[in-house]
Amino acid sequence: CDYGHFDIVLADFLKKNSISKNQLSEKANLQRTQLNSYCKNNIKRPDLDVLARICYALNCELSDIIRYVHPNGEKGNG
């Protein structure tokens, strides 16, 4: 069964709000390589502590940087 998946849309958020990766990595106390993985949506098991630091640094909600993608583009709880 396909339950859908999550996309990390952090890169879009940074671009939309004109925030550099350098600014974020400093403010959130993250290594640049770690941050790049999140920006490239290249994370299999996101770290909640890292996500909390990113949200804190950006003053945003988790839903601003992570998007749930329904299977086959369905809406609702198929």
C-alpha atoms as a PDB file:
ATOM      1  CA  CYS A   1       0.000   0.000   0.000  1.00  0.00           C
ATOM      2  CA  ASP A   2       1.302   3.456  -0.871  1.00  0.00           C
ATOM      3  CA  TYR A   3       0.789   5.834   2.040  1.00  0.00           C
ATOM      4  CA  GLY A   4       2.357   8.801   0.325  1.00  0.00           C
ATOM      5  CA  HIS A   5       5.513  10.517   1.537  1.00  0.00           C
ATOM      6  CA  PHE A   6       6.932  13.738   2.929  1.00  0.00           C
ATOM      7  CA  ASP A   7       8.939  16.250   0.928  1.00  0.00           C
ATOM      8  CA  ILE A   8      11.265  18.619   2.731  1.00  0.00           C
ATOM      9  CA  VAL A   9      10.669  21.977   1.044  1.00  0.00           C
ATOM     10  CA  LEU A  10      13.221  23.900   3.106  1.00  0.00           C
ATOM     11  CA  ALA A  11      15.086  25.152   0.019  1.00  0.00           C
ATOM     12  CA  ASP A  12      11.865  26.704  -1.339  1.00  0.00           C
ATOM     13  CA  PHE A  13      11.191  28.358   2.025  1.00  0.00           C
ATOM     14  CA  LEU A  14      14.696  29.843   2.139  1.00  0.00           C
ATOM     15  CA  LYS A  15      14.435  31.132  -1.434  1.00  0.00           C
ATOM     16  CA  LYS A  16      10.968  32.597  -0.860  1.00  0.00           C
ATOM     17  CA  ASN A  17      12.144  34.415   2.274  1.00  0.00           C
ATOM     18  CA  SER A  18      15.592  35.430   0.943  1.00  0.00           C
ATOM     19  CA  ILE A  19      17.482  33.561   3.654  1.00  0.00           C
ATOM     20  CA  SER A  20      20.892  32.086   2.861  1.00  0.00           C
ATOM     21  CA  LYS A  21      21.989  28.622   3.917  1.00  0.00           C
ATOM     22  CA  ASN A  22      24.911  30.261   5.722  1.00  0.00           C
ATOM     23  CA  GLN A  23      22.549  32.391   7.802  1.00  0.00           C
ATOM     24  CA  LEU A  24      20.427  29.384   8.675  1.00  0.00           C
ATOM     25  CA  SER A  25      23.328  27.061   9.489  1.00  0.00           C
ATOM     26  CA  GLU A  26      24.735  29.679  11.884  1.00  0.00           C
ATOM     27  CA  LYS A  27      21.423  30.524  13.517  1.00  0.00           C
ATOM     28  CA  ALA A  28      20.338  26.874  13.864  1.00  0.00           C
ATOM     29  CA  ASN A  29      23.839  25.659  14.777  1.00  0.00           C
ATOM     30  CA  LEU A  30      23.875  23.086  11.959  1.00  0.00           C
ATOM     31  CA  GLN A  31      26.722  21.787   9.863  1.00  0.00           C
ATOM     32  CA  ARG A  32      26.516  22.977   6.272  1.00  0.00           C
ATOM     33  CA  THR A  33      26.582  19.399   4.898  1.00  0.00           C
ATOM     34  CA  GLN A  34      23.682  18.433   7.162  1.00  0.00           C
ATOM     35  CA  LEU A  35      21.717  21.499   6.087  1.00  0.00           C
ATOM     36  CA  ASN A  36      22.420  20.756   2.416  1.00  0.00           C
ATOM     37  CA  SER A  37      20.908  17.282   2.818  1.00  0.00           C
ATOM     38  CA  TYR A  38      17.719  18.834   4.200  1.00  0.00           C
ATOM     39  CA  CYS A  39      17.645  21.441   1.426  1.00  0.00           C
ATOM     40  CA  LYS A  40      18.039  18.742  -1.225  1.00  0.00           C
ATOM     41  CA  ASN A  41      15.253  16.657   0.369  1.00  0.00           C
ATOM     42  CA  ASN A  42      17.867  13.942   0.759  1.00  0.00           C
ATOM     43  CA  ILE A  43      16.929  12.776   4.272  1.00  0.00           C
ATOM     44  CA  LYS A  44      15.500   9.336   4.920  1.00  0.00           C
ATOM     45  CA  ARG A  45      15.053   9.739   8.690  1.00  0.00           C
ATOM     46  CA  PRO A  46      14.646  13.397   9.648  1.00  0.00           C
ATOM     47  CA  ASP A  47      16.012  14.348  13.060  1.00  0.00           C
ATOM     48  CA  LEU A  48      13.317  16.061  15.151  1.00  0.00           C
ATOM     49  CA  ASP A  49      15.954  18.046  17.040  1.00  0.00           C
ATOM     50  CA  VAL A  50      17.354  19.373  13.759  1.00  0.00           C
ATOM     51  CA  LEU A  51      13.848  20.223  12.514  1.00  0.00           C
ATOM     52  CA  ALA A  52      13.123  22.039  15.785  1.00  0.00           C
ATOM     53  CA  ARG A  53      16.321  24.087  15.421  1.00  0.00           C
ATOM     54  CA  ILE A  54      15.436  24.959  11.825  1.00  0.00           C
ATOM     55  CA  CYS A  55      11.897  26.024  12.788  1.00  0.00           C
ATOM     56  CA  TYR A  56      13.253  28.061  15.706  1.00  0.00           C
ATOM     57  CA  ALA A  57      15.873  29.777  13.555  1.00  0.00           C
ATOM     58  CA  LEU A  58      13.366  30.543  10.782  1.00  0.00           C
ATOM     59  CA  ASN A  59      10.495  31.329  13.169  1.00  0.00           C
ATOM     60  CA  CYS A  60       8.277  29.010  11.135  1.00  0.00           C
ATOM     61  CA  GLU A  61       6.064  25.956  11.553  1.00  0.00           C
ATOM     62  CA  LEU A  62       7.049  22.420  10.572  1.00  0.00           C
ATOM     63  CA  SER A  63       4.351  22.533   7.885  1.00  0.00           C
ATOM     64  CA  ASP A  64       6.230  25.459   6.284  1.00  0.00           C
ATOM     65  CA  ILE A  65       9.252  23.282   5.535  1.00  0.00           C
ATOM     66  CA  ILE A  66       7.757  19.779   5.208  1.00  0.00           C
ATOM     67  CA  ARG A  67       4.914  18.880   2.860  1.00  0.00           C
ATOM     68  CA  TYR A  68       2.907  15.656   2.884  1.00  0.00           C
ATOM     69  CA  VAL A  69       2.440  14.233  -0.599  1.00  0.00           C
ATOM     70  CA  HIS A  70      -0.612  11.996  -0.958  1.00  0.00           C
ATOM     71  CA  PRO A  71      -0.229   8.772  -2.951  1.00  0.00           C
ATOM     72  CA  ASN A  72      -1.318   9.209  -6.569  1.00  0.00           C
ATOM     73  CA  GLY A  73      -2.171  12.843  -5.804  1.00  0.00           C
ATOM     74  CA  GLU A  74      -5.267  11.828  -3.810  1.00  0.00           C
ATOM     75  CA  LYS A  75      -6.752  14.194  -1.258  1.00  0.00           C
ATOM     76  CA  GLY A  76      -8.172  13.189   2.099  1.00  0.00           C
ATOM     77  CA  ASN A  77      -7.403  10.004   4.027  1.00  0.00           C
ATOM     78  CA  GLY A  78      -7.746   7.564   1.101  1.00  0.00           C
END
